[in-house]
Amino acid sequence: METSQFYYKQVAVIQGRFFSIYDRKTEYQIGKTLHQEAAPNHQSGYYVYKTPYQALISNIPYKEGGNFVAPRTILKVIAWGECIEYPNHKFSFSYILPVEDIGLPFGYISTQYARNYDRKNAKLKPKTSSMKEETKKLEEEVKKLEDLAIRMGINI
C-alpha cells in the first residue's frame, strides 16, 4: 500500500535531539527524510501511529542498549512508501519525514521507569525505600543550610 499522510511516532529526547527508543543509533531530525524498507514480522521499517494518543500509549518493547528510560516526546511525521499494518493501530513505513515535535501531555514522563530517571546524569536514581529515609535526608540538608547561614552571620 502506497500512502502519504501525517502519522505520529514516540521517540526519545536526549540533549535536545530525537532518537529511537528501541535502538540507540537511529536519530530523527525535523525536515530530514529517513529510509528503511518496511518488512513483515517487525523486521524493519519506521513504526508510526495514526493519532498522537495511539503513539502515546504504544507498547514499545525494552531492548538492551536502547533508549527505553530516556525522556520522550511525540513527533508528527509524514510517512509513505511500502506500508505494513500491525495490530493495535501500528504501521511500518519505508519512508518517514519528521515535521514537528508536538510534545507530551502535561505531567507525562514516558514509562514507569522514567520517574526515577536522572536527566542530568543520564542514569537511574535509586528508589527511596521509605518516607522515613526521605525525611532523614531532608533534615540533614536543612541542618547543612542552617550551619551555612550561621557561618555567614545570618540569624535564623
Protein backbone atom coordinates (compact mmCIF):
# COMPACT_ATOMS: atom_id res chain seq x y z
CA MET A 1 0.00 0.00 0.00
CA GLU A 2 1.44 3.40 -1.02
CA THR A 3 0.23 6.30 1.05
CA SER A 4 1.46 9.64 2.30
CA GLN A 5 -0.11 11.42 5.25
CA PHE A 6 0.58 12.54 8.79
CA TYR A 7 1.34 9.94 11.44
CA TYR A 8 2.82 10.10 14.94
CA LYS A 9 5.87 8.49 16.50
CA GLN A 10 7.05 8.32 20.10
CA VAL A 11 10.79 8.99 20.36
CA ALA A 12 13.47 9.51 22.99
CA VAL A 13 14.80 13.01 23.65
CA ILE A 14 18.49 13.15 24.51
CA GLN A 15 20.23 16.52 24.79
CA GLY A 16 17.55 18.13 22.64
CA ARG A 17 17.88 15.54 19.85
CA PHE A 18 15.37 12.83 18.86
CA PHE A 19 16.35 9.16 18.86
CA SER A 20 14.72 5.78 18.52
CA ILE A 21 13.58 4.34 21.82
CA TYR A 22 14.25 0.80 20.63
CA ASP A 23 17.73 1.31 19.18
CA ARG A 24 20.31 3.93 20.08
CA LYS A 25 21.55 4.57 16.55
CA THR A 26 18.53 5.96 14.72
CA GLU A 27 18.27 9.74 15.00
CA TYR A 28 15.22 11.65 13.79
CA GLN A 29 15.70 15.24 12.63
CA ILE A 30 12.92 17.65 11.74
CA GLY A 31 12.93 18.05 7.95
CA LYS A 32 15.24 15.09 7.24
CA THR A 33 13.84 12.04 5.40
CA LEU A 34 14.85 8.59 6.58
CA HIS A 35 14.54 5.39 4.53
CA GLN A 36 14.43 1.75 5.61
CA GLU A 37 12.42 -0.83 3.69
CA ALA A 38 9.38 -1.96 5.66
CA ALA A 39 9.49 -5.75 6.12
CA PRO A 40 6.93 -8.11 7.66
CA ASN A 41 7.11 -9.56 11.18
CA HIS A 42 8.62 -6.38 12.67
CA GLN A 43 11.90 -6.91 10.81
CA SER A 44 12.35 -3.31 9.66
CA GLY A 45 10.71 -0.04 8.76
CA TYR A 46 9.64 3.01 10.78
CA TYR A 47 6.80 2.37 13.21
CA VAL A 48 4.12 5.04 13.50
CA TYR A 49 0.51 5.54 14.60
CA LYS A 50 -2.46 7.42 13.12
CA THR A 51 -3.09 9.57 16.20
CA PRO A 52 -0.93 11.20 18.87
CA TYR A 53 -2.85 9.24 21.53
CA GLN A 54 -2.08 5.90 19.87
CA ALA A 55 1.60 6.86 19.72
CA LEU A 56 1.47 7.94 23.37
CA ILE A 57 0.10 4.63 24.63
CA SER A 58 2.13 2.46 22.26
CA ASN A 59 3.84 -0.51 23.83
CA ILE A 60 7.48 -0.14 22.85
CA PRO A 61 9.44 -3.21 23.91
CA TYR A 62 12.53 -2.90 26.07
CA LYS A 63 15.80 -3.61 24.26
CA GLU A 64 19.17 -3.75 25.99
CA GLY A 65 21.22 -0.80 24.78
CA GLY A 66 18.20 1.19 23.63
CA ASN A 67 16.81 4.47 24.99
CA PHE A 68 13.97 2.93 26.99
CA VAL A 69 14.23 5.14 30.09
CA ALA A 70 15.08 8.38 28.29
CA PRO A 71 12.58 11.25 28.36
CA ARG A 72 10.18 11.09 25.43
CA THR A 73 8.14 13.16 23.03
CA ILE A 74 5.78 12.62 20.12
CA LEU A 75 6.87 13.61 16.61
CA LYS A 76 4.39 14.43 13.87
CA VAL A 77 5.72 12.77 10.72
CA ILE A 78 4.87 12.25 7.09
CA ALA A 79 5.14 8.55 6.23
CA TRP A 80 4.98 6.93 2.81
CA GLY A 81 6.15 4.04 0.67
CA GLU A 82 5.68 0.37 1.48
CA CYS A 83 3.32 0.04 4.43
CA ILE A 84 2.66 -2.89 6.71
CA GLU A 85 -0.24 -2.70 9.14
CA TYR A 86 0.05 -4.43 12.53
CA PRO A 87 -2.45 -4.88 15.36
CA ASN A 88 -3.02 -2.03 17.86
CA HIS A 89 -3.07 0.68 15.16
CA LYS A 90 0.65 0.27 14.42
CA PHE A 91 2.07 0.83 10.91
CA SER A 92 5.54 0.28 9.48
CA PHE A 93 6.57 2.52 6.58
CA SER A 94 9.66 2.62 4.36
CA TYR A 95 9.98 6.42 4.46
CA ILE A 96 9.49 8.88 7.28
CA LEU A 97 9.90 12.67 7.44
CA PRO A 98 9.62 14.25 10.91
CA VAL A 99 7.91 17.64 10.63
CA GLU A 100 7.09 18.73 14.20
CA ASP A 101 7.70 17.91 17.86
CA ILE A 102 4.22 18.00 19.38
CA GLY A 103 5.36 17.03 22.88
CA LEU A 104 3.59 15.00 25.55
CA PRO A 105 0.60 15.82 27.74
CA PHE A 106 1.43 17.84 30.86
CA GLY A 107 2.88 15.66 33.61
CA TYR A 108 3.59 12.67 31.36
CA ILE A 109 7.15 11.38 31.59
CA SER A 110 7.22 8.23 29.46
CA THR A 111 7.34 4.97 31.36
CA GLN A 112 7.09 3.91 34.98
CA TYR A 113 10.89 3.53 34.96
CA ALA A 114 11.46 7.10 33.79
CA ARG A 115 10.08 8.52 37.04
CA ASN A 116 13.44 7.55 38.55
CA TYR A 117 15.47 8.83 35.60
CA ASP A 118 18.12 11.40 36.42
CA ARG A 119 18.23 13.52 33.23
CA LYS A 120 21.29 15.48 34.30
CA ASN A 121 23.45 12.42 34.95
CA ALA A 122 21.66 10.11 32.46
CA LYS A 123 21.20 7.20 34.83
CA LEU A 124 18.54 5.71 37.03
CA LYS A 125 18.29 7.16 40.51
CA PRO A 126 17.88 4.65 43.30
CA LYS A 127 14.36 4.38 44.62
CA THR A 128 13.78 5.61 48.17
CA SER A 129 12.57 2.70 50.23
CA SER A 130 10.58 4.73 52.74
CA MET A 131 9.31 8.14 53.71
CA LYS A 132 11.43 7.89 56.86
CA GLU A 133 14.64 7.79 54.78
CA GLU A 134 13.47 10.72 52.66
CA THR A 135 12.64 12.74 55.78
CA LYS A 136 16.07 12.00 57.25
CA LYS A 137 17.78 13.18 54.05
CA LEU A 138 15.76 16.40 54.04
CA GLU A 139 16.53 17.05 57.72
CA GLU A 140 20.26 16.61 57.02
CA GLU A 141 20.03 19.05 54.12
CA VAL A 142 18.22 21.61 56.30
CA LYS A 143 20.89 21.21 59.01
CA LYS A 144 23.65 21.89 56.46
CA LEU A 145 21.85 25.02 55.25
CA GLU A 146 21.33 26.24 58.82
CA ASP A 147 25.04 25.73 59.58
CA LEU A 148 25.97 27.64 56.42
CA ALA A 149 23.65 30.50 57.37
CA ILE A 150 25.23 30.72 60.86
CA ARG A 151 28.75 30.78 59.34
CA MET A 152 27.63 33.61 57.06
CA GLY A 153 26.29 35.56 60.06
CA ILE A 154 22.64 35.18 59.16
CA ASN A 155 20.30 34.77 62.11
CA ILE A 156 17.59 32.21 61.57
